[in-house]
Protein backbone atom coordinates (compact mmCIF):
# COMPACT_ATOMS: atom_id res chain seq x y z
CA UNK A 1 0.00 0.00 0.00
CA UNK A 2 1.25 3.45 -0.84
CA UNK A 3 1.90 5.93 1.92
CA UNK A 4 0.15 8.67 -0.05
CA UNK A 5 -3.57 8.33 0.67
CA UNK A 6 -4.84 10.73 -2.04
CA UNK A 7 -4.60 8.07 -4.76
CA UNK A 8 -8.00 6.53 -5.39
CA UNK A 9 -8.51 2.85 -6.24
CA UNK A 10 -9.71 4.03 -9.65
CA UNK A 11 -6.45 5.92 -10.24
CA UNK A 12 -4.46 2.86 -9.16
CA UNK A 13 -6.47 0.64 -11.50
CA UNK A 14 -5.84 3.07 -14.37
CA UNK A 15 -2.11 3.11 -13.63
CA UNK A 16 -2.05 -0.70 -13.56
CA UNK A 17 -3.93 -0.90 -16.86
CA UNK A 18 -1.52 1.62 -18.41
CA UNK A 19 1.40 -0.54 -17.30
CA UNK A 20 -0.11 -3.59 -19.00
CA UNK A 21 -0.75 -1.56 -22.13
CA UNK A 22 2.90 -0.50 -22.16
CA UNK A 23 4.01 -4.13 -21.80
CA UNK A 24 1.82 -5.11 -24.74
CA UNK A 25 3.74 -2.68 -26.98
CA UNK A 26 6.99 -4.62 -26.51
CA UNK A 27 7.88 -6.71 -29.55
CA UNK A 28 10.61 -9.12 -28.51
CA UNK A 29 12.65 -10.51 -25.63
CA UNK A 30 15.30 -7.80 -25.91
CA UNK A 31 12.69 -5.02 -25.65
CA UNK A 32 11.08 -6.77 -22.69
CA UNK A 33 14.44 -7.18 -20.98
CA UNK A 34 15.25 -3.48 -21.41
CA UNK A 35 11.81 -2.40 -20.17
CA UNK A 36 11.80 -4.66 -17.11
CA UNK A 37 15.39 -3.77 -16.21
CA UNK A 38 14.36 -0.11 -16.21
CA UNK A 39 11.10 -0.78 -14.36
CA UNK A 40 12.19 -3.30 -11.72
CA UNK A 41 15.02 -3.80 -9.29
CA UNK A 42 17.31 -6.77 -9.86
CA UNK A 43 15.67 -8.48 -6.86
CA UNK A 44 12.19 -8.01 -8.35
CA UNK A 45 13.31 -9.49 -11.67
CA UNK A 46 14.93 -12.39 -9.86
CA UNK A 47 11.74 -13.05 -7.86
CA UNK A 48 9.60 -13.06 -11.02
CA UNK A 49 12.11 -15.25 -12.86
CA UNK A 50 12.16 -17.68 -9.95
CA UNK A 51 8.36 -17.92 -9.95
CA UNK A 52 8.30 -18.55 -13.67
CA UNK A 53 10.93 -21.30 -13.28
CA UNK A 54 8.70 -22.89 -10.64
CA UNK A 55 5.77 -22.85 -13.08
CA UNK A 56 7.91 -24.73 -15.59
CA UNK A 57 9.00 -27.34 -13.01
CA UNK A 58 5.45 -27.79 -11.73
CA UNK A 59 4.32 -28.28 -15.32
CA UNK A 60 6.74 -31.22 -15.53
CA UNK A 61 5.17 -32.70 -12.40
CA UNK A 62 8.28 -32.28 -10.26
CA UNK A 63 7.90 -32.60 -6.47
CA UNK A 64 8.36 -29.42 -4.43
CA UNK A 65 11.63 -30.56 -2.84
CA UNK A 66 13.12 -31.36 -6.24
CA UNK A 67 12.06 -27.92 -7.50
CA UNK A 68 13.69 -26.34 -4.45
CA UNK A 69 16.88 -28.37 -5.01
CA UNK A 70 17.19 -27.27 -8.64
CA UNK A 71 16.02 -23.65 -8.34
CA UNK A 72 16.82 -22.60 -4.78
CA UNK A 73 13.28 -21.21 -4.49
CA UNK A 74 11.75 -21.59 -1.04
CA UNK A 75 9.10 -24.23 -0.42
CA UNK A 76 6.75 -21.43 0.62
CA UNK A 77 7.13 -19.69 -2.74
CA UNK A 78 6.78 -22.98 -4.60
CA UNK A 79 3.58 -23.69 -2.70
CA UNK A 80 2.26 -20.20 -3.44
CA UNK A 81 2.99 -20.54 -7.16
CA UNK A 82 1.30 -23.96 -7.21
CA UNK A 83 -1.76 -22.49 -5.48
CA UNK A 84 -2.02 -19.68 -8.03
CA UNK A 85 -1.38 -22.12 -10.87
CA UNK A 86 -4.44 -24.07 -9.75
CA UNK A 87 -6.69 -21.39 -8.28
CA UNK A 88 -5.36 -18.08 -9.57
CA UNK A 89 -6.45 -15.88 -12.43
CA UNK A 90 -5.27 -18.24 -15.18
CA UNK A 91 -2.28 -16.13 -16.18
CA UNK A 92 0.35 -18.76 -15.45
CA UNK A 93 -1.62 -21.39 -17.37
CA UNK A 94 -2.23 -19.13 -20.35
CA UNK A 95 1.39 -18.01 -20.65
CA UNK A 96 2.69 -21.53 -20.09
CA UNK A 97 0.43 -22.96 -22.81
CA UNK A 98 1.47 -20.24 -25.25
CA UNK A 99 5.17 -20.77 -24.56
CA UNK A 100 4.70 -24.52 -25.03
CA UNK A 101 2.87 -23.93 -28.33
CA UNK A 102 5.83 -21.88 -29.64
CA UNK A 103 8.42 -24.50 -28.68
CA UNK A 104 9.57 -26.86 -31.45
PDB file of N, CA and C in Angstrom:
ATOM      1  N   UNK A   1       0.843  -1.170   0.000  1.00  0.00           N
ATOM      2  CA  UNK A   1       0.000   0.000   0.000  1.00  0.00           C
ATOM      3  C   UNK A   1       0.889   1.233   0.000  1.00  0.00           C
ATOM      4  N   UNK A   2       0.492   2.202  -0.768  1.00  0.00           N
ATOM      5  CA  UNK A   2       1.252   3.446  -0.844  1.00  0.00           C
ATOM      6  C   UNK A   2       1.014   4.296   0.403  1.00  0.00           C
ATOM      7  N   UNK A   3       2.026   5.051   0.762  1.00  0.00           N
ATOM      8  CA  UNK A   3       1.904   5.931   1.925  1.00  0.00           C
ATOM      9  C   UNK A   3       0.995   7.110   1.616  1.00  0.00           C
ATOM     10  N   UNK A   4       0.946   7.524   0.359  1.00  0.00           N
ATOM     11  CA  UNK A   4       0.147   8.667  -0.052  1.00  0.00           C
ATOM     12  C   UNK A   4      -1.308   8.235  -0.195  1.00  0.00           C
ATOM     13  N   UNK A   5      -2.179   8.782   0.618  1.00  0.00           N
ATOM     14  CA  UNK A   5      -3.568   8.328   0.670  1.00  0.00           C
ATOM     15  C   UNK A   5      -4.495   9.028  -0.324  1.00  0.00           C
ATOM     16  N   UNK A   6      -3.985   9.997  -1.111  1.00  0.00           N
ATOM     17  CA  UNK A   6      -4.839  10.729  -2.041  1.00  0.00           C
ATOM     18  C   UNK A   6      -5.050   9.996  -3.360  1.00  0.00           C
ATOM     19  N   UNK A   7      -4.459   8.836  -3.523  1.00  0.00           N
ATOM     20  CA  UNK A   7      -4.599   8.071  -4.756  1.00  0.00           C
ATOM     21  C   UNK A   7      -5.804   7.143  -4.602  1.00  0.00           C
ATOM     22  N   UNK A   8      -6.786   7.329  -5.475  1.00  0.00           N
ATOM     23  CA  UNK A   8      -8.000   6.529  -5.386  1.00  0.00           C
ATOM     24  C   UNK A   8      -7.781   5.149  -5.997  1.00  0.00           C
ATOM     25  N   UNK A   9      -8.602   4.176  -5.615  1.00  0.00           N
ATOM     26  CA  UNK A   9      -8.511   2.855  -6.244  1.00  0.00           C
ATOM     27  C   UNK A   9      -8.696   2.939  -7.766  1.00  0.00           C
ATOM     28  N   UNK A  10      -9.504   3.855  -8.209  1.00  0.00           N
ATOM     29  CA  UNK A  10      -9.714   4.031  -9.649  1.00  0.00           C
ATOM     30  C   UNK A  10      -8.429   4.505 -10.335  1.00  0.00           C
ATOM     31  N   UNK A  11      -7.721   5.440  -9.696  1.00  0.00           N
ATOM     32  CA  UNK A  11      -6.450   5.916 -10.243  1.00  0.00           C
ATOM     33  C   UNK A  11      -5.415   4.791 -10.262  1.00  0.00           C
ATOM     34  N   UNK A  12      -5.392   3.993  -9.205  1.00  0.00           N
ATOM     35  CA  UNK A  12      -4.456   2.865  -9.160  1.00  0.00           C
ATOM     36  C   UNK A  12      -4.792   1.855 -10.248  1.00  0.00           C
ATOM     37  N   UNK A  13      -6.061   1.580 -10.459  1.00  0.00           N
ATOM     38  CA  UNK A  13      -6.471   0.637 -11.503  1.00  0.00           C
ATOM     39  C   UNK A  13      -6.080   1.165 -12.875  1.00  0.00           C
ATOM     40  N   UNK A  14      -6.223   2.460 -13.093  1.00  0.00           N
ATOM     41  CA  UNK A  14      -5.839   3.067 -14.371  1.00  0.00           C
ATOM     42  C   UNK A  14      -4.324   2.952 -14.586  1.00  0.00           C
ATOM     43  N   UNK A  15      -3.567   3.214 -13.539  1.00  0.00           N
ATOM     44  CA  UNK A  15      -2.109   3.111 -13.634  1.00  0.00           C
ATOM     45  C   UNK A  15      -1.700   1.664 -13.940  1.00  0.00           C
ATOM     46  N   UNK A  16      -2.355   0.714 -13.309  1.00  0.00           N
ATOM     47  CA  UNK A  16      -2.052  -0.700 -13.558  1.00  0.00           C
ATOM     48  C   UNK A  16      -2.386  -1.066 -15.008  1.00  0.00           C
ATOM     49  N   UNK A  17      -3.545  -0.626 -15.475  1.00  0.00           N
ATOM     50  CA  UNK A  17      -3.930  -0.904 -16.863  1.00  0.00           C
ATOM     51  C   UNK A  17      -2.933  -0.266 -17.841  1.00  0.00           C
ATOM     52  N   UNK A  18      -2.506   0.950 -17.549  1.00  0.00           N
ATOM     53  CA  UNK A  18      -1.521   1.618 -18.410  1.00  0.00           C
ATOM     54  C   UNK A  18      -0.201   0.847 -18.453  1.00  0.00           C
ATOM     55  N   UNK A  19       0.188   0.284 -17.331  1.00  0.00           N
ATOM     56  CA  UNK A  19       1.398  -0.536 -17.297  1.00  0.00           C
ATOM     57  C   UNK A  19       1.238  -1.732 -18.228  1.00  0.00           C
ATOM     58  N   UNK A  20       0.113  -2.420 -18.141  1.00  0.00           N
ATOM     59  CA  UNK A  20      -0.108  -3.589 -19.001  1.00  0.00           C
ATOM     60  C   UNK A  20      -0.160  -3.186 -20.466  1.00  0.00           C
ATOM     61  N   UNK A  21      -0.725  -2.038 -20.746  1.00  0.00           N
ATOM     62  CA  UNK A  21      -0.747  -1.555 -22.127  1.00  0.00           C
ATOM     63  C   UNK A  21       0.675  -1.305 -22.626  1.00  0.00           C
ATOM     64  N   UNK A  22       1.511  -0.746 -21.782  1.00  0.00           N
ATOM     65  CA  UNK A  22       2.904  -0.505 -22.163  1.00  0.00           C
ATOM     66  C   UNK A  22       3.615  -1.827 -22.438  1.00  0.00           C
ATOM     67  N   UNK A  23       3.382  -2.826 -21.606  1.00  0.00           N
ATOM     68  CA  UNK A  23       4.012  -4.132 -21.803  1.00  0.00           C
ATOM     69  C   UNK A  23       3.582  -4.740 -23.136  1.00  0.00           C
ATOM     70  N   UNK A  24       2.327  -4.559 -23.483  1.00  0.00           N
ATOM     71  CA  UNK A  24       1.824  -5.113 -24.744  1.00  0.00           C
ATOM     72  C   UNK A  24       2.450  -4.476 -25.983  1.00  0.00           C
ATOM     73  N   UNK A  25       3.088  -3.323 -25.822  1.00  0.00           N
ATOM     74  CA  UNK A  25       3.738  -2.684 -26.976  1.00  0.00           C
ATOM     75  C   UNK A  25       5.102  -3.291 -27.277  1.00  0.00           C
ATOM     76  N   UNK A  26       5.658  -4.048 -26.344  1.00  0.00           N
ATOM     77  CA  UNK A  26       6.992  -4.616 -26.514  1.00  0.00           C
ATOM     78  C   UNK A  26       6.943  -5.755 -27.516  1.00  0.00           C
ATOM     79  N   UNK A  27       7.951  -5.806 -28.397  1.00  0.00           N
ATOM     80  CA  UNK A  27       7.881  -6.710 -29.546  1.00  0.00           C
ATOM     81  C   UNK A  27       8.752  -7.948 -29.468  1.00  0.00           C
ATOM     82  N   UNK A  28       9.729  -7.957 -28.576  1.00  0.00           N
ATOM     83  CA  UNK A  28      10.605  -9.121 -28.513  1.00  0.00           C
ATOM     84  C   UNK A  28      11.261  -9.198 -27.131  1.00  0.00           C
ATOM     85  N   UNK A  29      12.020 -10.266 -26.933  1.00  0.00           N
ATOM     86  CA  UNK A  29      12.646 -10.506 -25.631  1.00  0.00           C
ATOM     87  C   UNK A  29      13.588  -9.374 -25.253  1.00  0.00           C
ATOM     88  N   UNK A  30      14.352  -8.868 -26.210  1.00  0.00           N
ATOM     89  CA  UNK A  30      15.302  -7.799 -25.913  1.00  0.00           C
ATOM     90  C   UNK A  30      14.578  -6.536 -25.438  1.00  0.00           C
ATOM     91  N   UNK A  31      13.461  -6.181 -26.089  1.00  0.00           N
ATOM     92  CA  UNK A  31      12.690  -5.019 -25.653  1.00  0.00           C
ATOM     93  C   UNK A  31      12.111  -5.247 -24.262  1.00  0.00           C
ATOM     94  N   UNK A  32      11.609  -6.453 -24.016  1.00  0.00           N
ATOM     95  CA  UNK A  32      11.076  -6.770 -22.686  1.00  0.00           C
ATOM     96  C   UNK A  32      12.162  -6.682 -21.626  1.00  0.00           C
ATOM     97  N   UNK A  33      13.329  -7.223 -21.931  1.00  0.00           N
ATOM     98  CA  UNK A  33      14.441  -7.178 -20.977  1.00  0.00           C
ATOM     99  C   UNK A  33      14.792  -5.731 -20.639  1.00  0.00           C
ATOM    100  N   UNK A  34      14.909  -4.887 -21.652  1.00  0.00           N
ATOM    101  CA  UNK A  34      15.253  -3.479 -21.408  1.00  0.00           C
ATOM    102  C   UNK A  34      14.182  -2.793 -20.568  1.00  0.00           C
ATOM    103  N   UNK A  35      12.923  -3.029 -20.896  1.00  0.00           N
ATOM    104  CA  UNK A  35      11.814  -2.400 -20.168  1.00  0.00           C
ATOM    105  C   UNK A  35      11.809  -2.839 -18.705  1.00  0.00           C
ATOM    106  N   UNK A  36      11.868  -4.162 -18.481  1.00  0.00           N
ATOM    107  CA  UNK A  36      11.800  -4.658 -17.109  1.00  0.00           C
ATOM    108  C   UNK A  36      13.038  -4.293 -16.305  1.00  0.00           C
ATOM    109  N   UNK A  37      14.191  -4.189 -16.944  1.00  0.00           N
ATOM    110  CA  UNK A  37      15.390  -3.768 -16.215  1.00  0.00           C
ATOM    111  C   UNK A  37      15.317  -2.294 -15.824  1.00  0.00           C
ATOM    112  N   UNK A  38      14.590  -1.505 -16.597  1.00  0.00           N
ATOM    113  CA  UNK A  38      14.357  -0.114 -16.215  1.00  0.00           C
ATOM    114  C   UNK A  38      13.275  -0.014 -15.138  1.00  0.00           C
ATOM    115  N   UNK A  39      12.269  -0.856 -15.244  1.00  0.00           N
ATOM    116  CA  UNK A  39      11.104  -0.780 -14.358  1.00  0.00           C
ATOM    117  C   UNK A  39      11.357  -1.396 -12.985  1.00  0.00           C
ATOM    118  N   UNK A  40      12.073  -2.503 -12.944  1.00  0.00           N
ATOM    119  CA  UNK A  40      12.192  -3.301 -11.723  1.00  0.00           C
ATOM    120  C   UNK A  40      13.614  -3.300 -11.173  1.00  0.00           C
ATOM    121  N   UNK A  41      13.706  -3.585  -9.894  1.00  0.00           N
ATOM    122  CA  UNK A  41      15.015  -3.795  -9.287  1.00  0.00           C
ATOM    123  C   UNK A  41      15.512  -5.184  -9.691  1.00  0.00           C
ATOM    124  N   UNK A  42      16.815  -5.417  -9.589  1.00  0.00           N
ATOM    125  CA  UNK A  42      17.311  -6.774  -9.864  1.00  0.00           C
ATOM    126  C   UNK A  42      16.626  -7.837  -8.995  1.00  0.00           C
ATOM    127  N   UNK A  43      16.336  -7.516  -7.755  1.00  0.00           N
ATOM    128  CA  UNK A  43      15.674  -8.475  -6.863  1.00  0.00           C
ATOM    129  C   UNK A  43      14.258  -8.784  -7.334  1.00  0.00           C
ATOM    130  N   UNK A  44      13.548  -7.780  -7.834  1.00  0.00           N
ATOM    131  CA  UNK A  44      12.193  -8.008  -8.346  1.00  0.00           C
ATOM    132  C   UNK A  44      12.217  -8.897  -9.591  1.00  0.00           C
ATOM    133  N   UNK A  45      13.179  -8.648 -10.473  1.00  0.00           N
ATOM    134  CA  UNK A  45      13.307  -9.488 -11.671  1.00  0.00           C
ATOM    135  C   UNK A  45      13.662 -10.915 -11.269  1.00  0.00           C
ATOM    136  N   UNK A  46      14.556 -11.052 -10.323  1.00  0.00           N
ATOM    137  CA  UNK A  46      14.930 -12.388  -9.857  1.00  0.00           C
ATOM    138  C   UNK A  46      13.724 -13.115  -9.270  1.00  0.00           C
ATOM    139  N   UNK A  47      12.926 -12.427  -8.469  1.00  0.00           N
ATOM    140  CA  UNK A  47      11.744 -13.049  -7.860  1.00  0.00           C
ATOM    141  C   UNK A  47      10.752 -13.505  -8.933  1.00  0.00           C
ATOM    142  N   UNK A  48      10.525 -12.671  -9.945  1.00  0.00           N
ATOM    143  CA  UNK A  48       9.604 -13.057 -11.015  1.00  0.00           C
ATOM    144  C   UNK A  48      10.173 -14.214 -11.836  1.00  0.00           C
ATOM    145  N   UNK A  49      11.462 -14.168 -12.111  1.00  0.00           N
ATOM    146  CA  UNK A  49      12.107 -15.251 -12.864  1.00  0.00           C
ATOM    147  C   UNK A  49      12.034 -16.563 -12.091  1.00  0.00           C
ATOM    148  N   UNK A  50      12.255 -16.488 -10.791  1.00  0.00           N
ATOM    149  CA  UNK A  50      12.159 -17.681  -9.949  1.00  0.00           C
ATOM    150  C   UNK A  50      10.758 -18.273 -10.009  1.00  0.00           C
ATOM    151  N   UNK A  51       9.741 -17.427  -9.900  1.00  0.00           N
ATOM    152  CA  UNK A  51       8.359 -17.916  -9.945  1.00  0.00           C
ATOM    153  C   UNK A  51       8.060 -18.569 -11.284  1.00  0.00           C
ATOM    154  N   UNK A  52       8.549 -17.967 -12.362  1.00  0.00           N
ATOM    155  CA  UNK A  52       8.302 -18.553 -13.675  1.00  0.00           C
ATOM    156  C   UNK A  52       9.015 -19.902 -13.804  1.00  0.00           C
ATOM    157  N   UNK A  53      10.227 -20.012 -13.266  1.00  0.00           N
ATOM    158  CA  UNK A  53      10.933 -21.299 -13.280  1.00  0.00           C
ATOM    159  C   UNK A  53      10.135 -22.355 -12.517  1.00  0.00           C
ATOM    160  N   UNK A  54       9.522 -21.959 -11.415  1.00  0.00           N
ATOM    161  CA  UNK A  54       8.703 -22.889 -10.636  1.00  0.00           C
ATOM    162  C   UNK A  54       7.508 -23.363 -11.467  1.00  0.00           C
ATOM    163  N   UNK A  55       6.888 -22.461 -12.208  1.00  0.00           N
ATOM    164  CA  UNK A  55       5.768 -22.850 -13.080  1.00  0.00           C
ATOM    165  C   UNK A  55       6.223 -23.942 -14.045  1.00  0.00           C
ATOM    166  N   UNK A  56       7.386 -23.749 -14.643  1.00  0.00           N
ATOM    167  CA  UNK A  56       7.906 -24.732 -15.591  1.00  0.00           C
ATOM    168  C   UNK A  56       8.132 -26.085 -14.917  1.00  0.00           C
ATOM    169  N   UNK A  57       8.750 -26.084 -13.732  1.00  0.00           N
ATOM    170  CA  UNK A  57       8.998 -27.336 -13.014  1.00  0.00           C
ATOM    171  C   UNK A  57       7.695 -28.004 -12.592  1.00  0.00           C
ATOM    172  N   UNK A  58       6.740 -27.224 -12.114  1.00  0.00           N
ATOM    173  CA  UNK A  58       5.447 -27.794 -11.726  1.00  0.00           C
ATOM    174  C   UNK A  58       4.747 -28.408 -12.938  1.00  0.00           C
ATOM    175  N   UNK A  59       4.903 -27.760 -14.091  1.00  0.00           N
ATOM    176  CA  UNK A  59       4.320 -28.280 -15.323  1.00  0.00           C
ATOM    177  C   UNK A  59       4.879 -29.642 -15.700  1.00  0.00           C
ATOM    178  N   UNK A  60       6.105 -29.918 -15.279  1.00  0.00           N
ATOM    179  CA  UNK A  60       6.737 -31.220 -15.529  1.00  0.00           C
ATOM    180  C   UNK A  60       6.336 -32.248 -14.476  1.00  0.00           C
ATOM    181  N   UNK A  61       5.595 -31.792 -13.464  1.00  0.00           N
ATOM    182  CA  UNK A  61       5.165 -32.702 -12.403  1.00  0.00           C
ATOM    183  C   UNK A  61       6.205 -32.951 -11.331  1.00  0.00           C
ATOM    184  N   UNK A  62       7.199 -32.086 -11.236  1.00  0.00           N
ATOM    185  CA  UNK A  62       8.275 -32.276 -10.256  1.00  0.00           C
ATOM    186  C   UNK A  62       7.767 -32.033  -8.836  1.00  0.00           C
ATOM    187  N   UNK A  63       8.243 -32.826  -7.878  1.00  0.00           N
ATOM    188  CA  UNK A  63       7.900 -32.603  -6.468  1.00  0.00           C
ATOM    189  C   UNK A  63       8.523 -31.294  -5.964  1.00  0.00           C
ATOM    190  N   UNK A  64       7.899 -30.705  -4.967  1.00  0.00           N
ATOM    191  CA  UNK A  64       8.363 -29.421  -4.427  1.00  0.00           C
ATOM    192  C   UNK A  64       9.825 -29.455  -4.011  1.00  0.00           C
ATOM    193  N   UNK A  65      10.242 -30.502  -3.322  1.00  0.00           N
ATOM    194  CA  UNK A  65      11.630 -30.559  -2.836  1.00  0.00           C
ATOM    195  C   UNK A  65      12.625 -30.639  -3.990  1.00  0.00           C
ATOM    196  N   UNK A  66      12.252 -31.307  -5.060  1.00  0.00           N
ATOM    197  CA  UNK A  66      13.123 -31.357  -6.235  1.00  0.00           C
ATOM    198  C   UNK A  66      13.211 -29.976  -6.880  1.00  0.00           C
ATOM    199  N   UNK A  67      12.070 -29.287  -6.946  1.00  0.00           N
ATOM    200  CA  UNK A  67      12.058 -27.923  -7.498  1.00  0.00           C
ATOM    201  C   UNK A  67      12.973 -27.035  -6.661  1.00  0.00           C
ATOM    202  N   UNK A  68      12.842 -27.135  -5.346  1.00  0.00           N
ATOM    203  CA  UNK A  68      13.691 -26.340  -4.449  1.00  0.00           C
ATOM    204  C   UNK A  68      15.169 -26.661  -4.681  1.00  0.00           C
ATOM    205  N   UNK A  69      15.486 -27.937  -4.813  1.00  0.00           N
ATOM    206  CA  UNK A  69      16.876 -28.369  -5.011  1.00  0.00           C
ATOM    207  C   UNK A  69      17.460 -27.764  -6.287  1.00  0.00           C
ATOM    208  N   UNK A  70      16.686 -27.731  -7.350  1.00  0.00           N
ATOM    209  CA  UNK A  70      17.189 -27.268  -8.644  1.00  0.00           C
ATOM    210  C   UNK A  70      17.141 -25.756  -8.819  1.00  0.00           C
ATOM    211  N   UNK A  71      16.198 -25.090  -8.129  1.00  0.00           N
ATOM    212  CA  UNK A  71      16.020 -23.648  -8.342  1.00  0.00           C
ATOM    213  C   UNK A  71      16.468 -22.799  -7.166  1.00  0.00           C
ATOM    214  N   UNK A  72      16.504 -23.370  -5.976  1.00  0.00           N
ATOM    215  CA  UNK A  72      16.817 -22.597  -4.782  1.00  0.00           C
ATOM    216  C   UNK A  72      15.634 -21.792  -4.265  1.00  0.00           C
ATOM    217  N   UNK A  73      14.481 -21.931  -4.911  1.00  0.00           N
ATOM    218  CA  UNK A  73      13.281 -21.211  -4.491  1.00  0.00           C
ATOM    219  C   UNK A  73      12.727 -21.875  -3.235  1.00  0.00           C
ATOM    220  N   UNK A  74      12.257 -21.057  -2.301  1.00  0.00           N
ATOM    221  CA  UNK A  74      11.748 -21.595  -1.037  1.00  0.00           C
ATOM    222  C   UNK A  74      10.500 -22.441  -1.260  1.00  0.00           C
ATOM    223  N   UNK A  75      10.290 -23.387  -0.350  1.00  0.00           N
ATOM    224  CA  UNK A  75       9.102 -24.231  -0.424  1.00  0.00           C
ATOM    225  C   UNK A  75       7.829 -23.392  -0.287  1.00  0.00           C
ATOM    226  N   UNK A  76       7.898 -22.323   0.482  1.00  0.00           N
ATOM    227  CA  UNK A  76       6.747 -21.434   0.625  1.00  0.00           C
ATOM    228  C   UNK A  76       6.380 -20.798  -0.711  1.00  0.00           C
ATOM    229  N   UNK A  77       7.387 -20.304  -1.433  1.00  0.00           N
ATOM    230  CA  UNK A  77       7.127 -19.690  -2.739  1.00  0.00           C
ATOM    231  C   UNK A  77       6.637 -20.733  -3.732  1.00  0.00           C
ATOM    232  N   UNK A  78       7.222 -21.913  -3.705  1.00  0.00           N
ATOM    233  CA  UNK A  78       6.781 -22.980  -4.598  1.00  0.00           C
ATOM    234  C   UNK A  78       5.315 -23.300  -4.334  1.00  0.00           C
ATOM    235  N   UNK A  79       4.966 -23.406  -3.072  1.00  0.00           N
ATOM    236  CA  UNK A  79       3.582 -23.686  -2.695  1.00  0.00           C
ATOM    237  C   UNK A  79       2.640 -22.574  -3.163  1.00  0.00           C
ATOM    238  N   UNK A  80       3.068 -21.342  -3.014  1.00  0.00           N
ATOM    239  CA  UNK A  80       2.258 -20.201  -3.438  1.00  0.00           C
ATOM    240  C   UNK A  80       2.041 -20.214  -4.949  1.00  0.00           C
ATOM    241  N   UNK A  81       3.110 -20.474  -5.704  1.00  0.00           N
ATOM    242  CA  UNK A  81       2.989 -20.541  -7.162  1.00  0.00           C
ATOM    243  C   UNK A  81       2.043 -21.672  -7.548  1.00  0.00           C
ATOM    244  N   UNK A  82       2.183 -22.822  -6.906  1.00  0.00           N
ATOM    245  CA  UNK A  82       1.305 -23.962  -7.205  1.00  0.00           C
ATOM    246  C   UNK A  82      -0.155 -23.614  -6.923  1.00  0.00           C
ATOM    247  N   UNK A  83      -0.396 -22.903  -5.834  1.00  0.00           N
ATOM    248  CA  UNK A  83      -1.764 -22.495  -5.484  1.00  0.00           C
ATOM    249  C   UNK A  83      -2.334 -21.573  -6.562  1.00  0.00           C
ATOM    250  N   UNK A  84      -1.543 -20.597  -7.003  1.00  0.00           N
ATOM    251  CA  UNK A  84      -2.020 -19.684  -8.034  1.00  0.00           C
ATOM    252  C   UNK A  84      -2.125 -20.361  -9.391  1.00  0.00           C
ATOM    253  N   UNK A  85      -1.292 -21.361  -9.626  1.00  0.00           N
ATOM    254  CA  UNK A  85      -1.376 -22.123 -10.871  1.00  0.00           C
ATOM    255  C   UNK A  85      -2.716 -22.852 -10.938  1.00  0.00           C
ATOM    256  N   UNK A  86      -3.168 -23.342  -9.792  1.00  0.00           N
ATOM    257  CA  UNK A  86      -4.436 -24.066  -9.753  1.00  0.00           C
ATOM    258  C   UNK A  86      -5.651 -23.199  -9.532  1.00  0.00           C
ATOM    259  N   UNK A  87      -5.523 -22.185  -8.694  1.00  0.00           N
ATOM    260  CA  UNK A  87      -6.690 -21.394  -8.283  1.00  0.00           C
ATOM    261  C   UNK A  87      -6.518 -19.897  -8.490  1.00  0.00           C
ATOM    262  N   UNK A  88      -5.613 -19.508  -9.361  1.00  0.00           N
ATOM    263  CA  UNK A  88      -5.365 -18.080  -9.574  1.00  0.00           C
ATOM    264  C   UNK A  88      -6.251 -17.506 -10.662  1.00  0.00           C
ATOM    265  N   UNK A  89      -5.707 -16.583 -11.390  1.00  0.00           N
ATOM    266  CA  UNK A  89      -6.448 -15.882 -12.431  1.00  0.00           C
ATOM    267  C   UNK A  89      -6.260 -16.495 -13.820  1.00  0.00           C
ATOM    268  N   UNK A  90      -5.484 -17.561 -13.902  1.00  0.00           N
ATOM    269  CA  UNK A  90      -5.267 -18.240 -15.177  1.00  0.00           C
ATOM    270  C   UNK A  90      -4.092 -17.712 -15.979  1.00  0.00           C
ATOM    271  N   UNK A  91      -3.391 -16.731 -15.455  1.00  0.00           N
ATOM    272  CA  UNK A  91      -2.282 -16.130 -16.179  1.00  0.00           C
ATOM    273  C   UNK A  91      -1.108 -17.072 -16.378  1.00  0.00           C
ATOM    274  N   UNK A  92      -0.740 -17.796 -15.319  1.00  0.00           N
ATOM    275  CA  UNK A  92       0.355 -18.759 -15.448  1.00  0.00           C
ATOM    276  C   UNK A  92       0.013 -19.800 -16.505  1.00  0.00           C
ATOM    277  N   UNK A  93      -1.207 -20.333 -16.433  1.00  0.00           N
ATOM    278  CA  UNK A  93      -1.616 -21.394 -17.367  1.00  0.00           C
ATOM    279  C   UNK A  93      -1.623 -20.888 -18.805  1.00  0.00           C
ATOM    280  N   UNK A  94      -2.154 -19.702 -19.004  1.00  0.00           N
ATOM    281  CA  UNK A  94      -2.228 -19.130 -20.346  1.00  0.00           C
ATOM    282  C   UNK A  94      -0.836 -18.928 -20.933  1.00  0.00           C
ATOM    283  N   UNK A  95       0.030 -18.281 -20.165  1.00  0.00           N
ATOM    284  CA  UNK A  95       1.386 -18.014 -20.655  1.00  0.00           C
ATOM    285  C   UNK A  95       2.149 -19.318 -20.877  1.00  0.00           C
ATOM    286  N   UNK A  96       2.000 -20.253 -19.964  1.00  0.00           N
ATOM    287  CA  UNK A  96       2.692 -21.525 -20.095  1.00  0.00           C
ATOM    288  C   UNK A  96       2.238 -22.268 -21.346  1.00  0.00           C
ATOM    289  N   UNK A  97       0.954 -22.293 -21.608  1.00  0.00           N
ATOM    290  CA  UNK A  97       0.430 -22.960 -22.806  1.00  0.00           C
ATOM    291  C   UNK A  97       0.931 -22.277 -24.070  1.00  0.00           C
ATOM    292  N   UNK A  98       0.991 -20.964 -24.063  1.00  0.00           N
ATOM    293  CA  UNK A  98       1.468 -20.239 -25.253  1.00  0.00           C
ATOM    294  C   UNK A  98       2.946 -20.460 -25.476  1.00  0.00           C
ATOM    295  N   UNK A  99       3.727 -20.498 -24.414  1.00  0.00           N
ATOM    296  CA  UNK A  99       5.166 -20.773 -24.561  1.00  0.00           C
ATOM    297  C   UNK A  99       5.348 -22.187 -25.107  1.00  0.00           C
ATOM    298  N   UNK A 100       4.599 -23.137 -24.579  1.00  0.00           N
ATOM    299  CA  UNK A 100       4.703 -24.522 -25.035  1.00  0.00           C
ATOM    300  C   UNK A 100       4.314 -24.639 -26.508  1.00  0.00           C
ATOM    301  N   UNK A 101       3.319 -23.875 -26.937  1.00  0.00           N
ATOM    302  CA  UNK A 101       2.870 -23.928 -28.327  1.00  0.00           C
ATOM    303  C   UNK A 101       3.928 -23.376 -29.281  1.00  0.00           C
ATOM    304  N   UNK A 102       4.764 -22.476 -28.808  1.00  0.00           N
ATOM    305  CA  UNK A 102       5.832 -21.881 -29.640  1.00  0.00           C
ATOM    306  C   UNK A 102       7.077 -22.740 -29.688  1.00  0.00           C
ATOM    307  N   UNK A 103       7.216 -23.654 -28.740  1.00  0.00           N
ATOM    308  CA  UNK A 103       8.423 -24.502 -28.681  1.00  0.00           C
ATOM    309  C   UNK A 103       8.361 -25.559 -29.769  1.00  0.00           C
ATOM    310  N   UNK A 104       9.533 -25.841 -30.384  1.00  0.00           N
ATOM    311  CA  UNK A 104       9.569 -26.865 -31.446  1.00  0.00           C
ATOM    312  C   UNK A 104       9.348 -28.263 -30.921  1.00  0.00           C
TER     313      UNK A 104
END
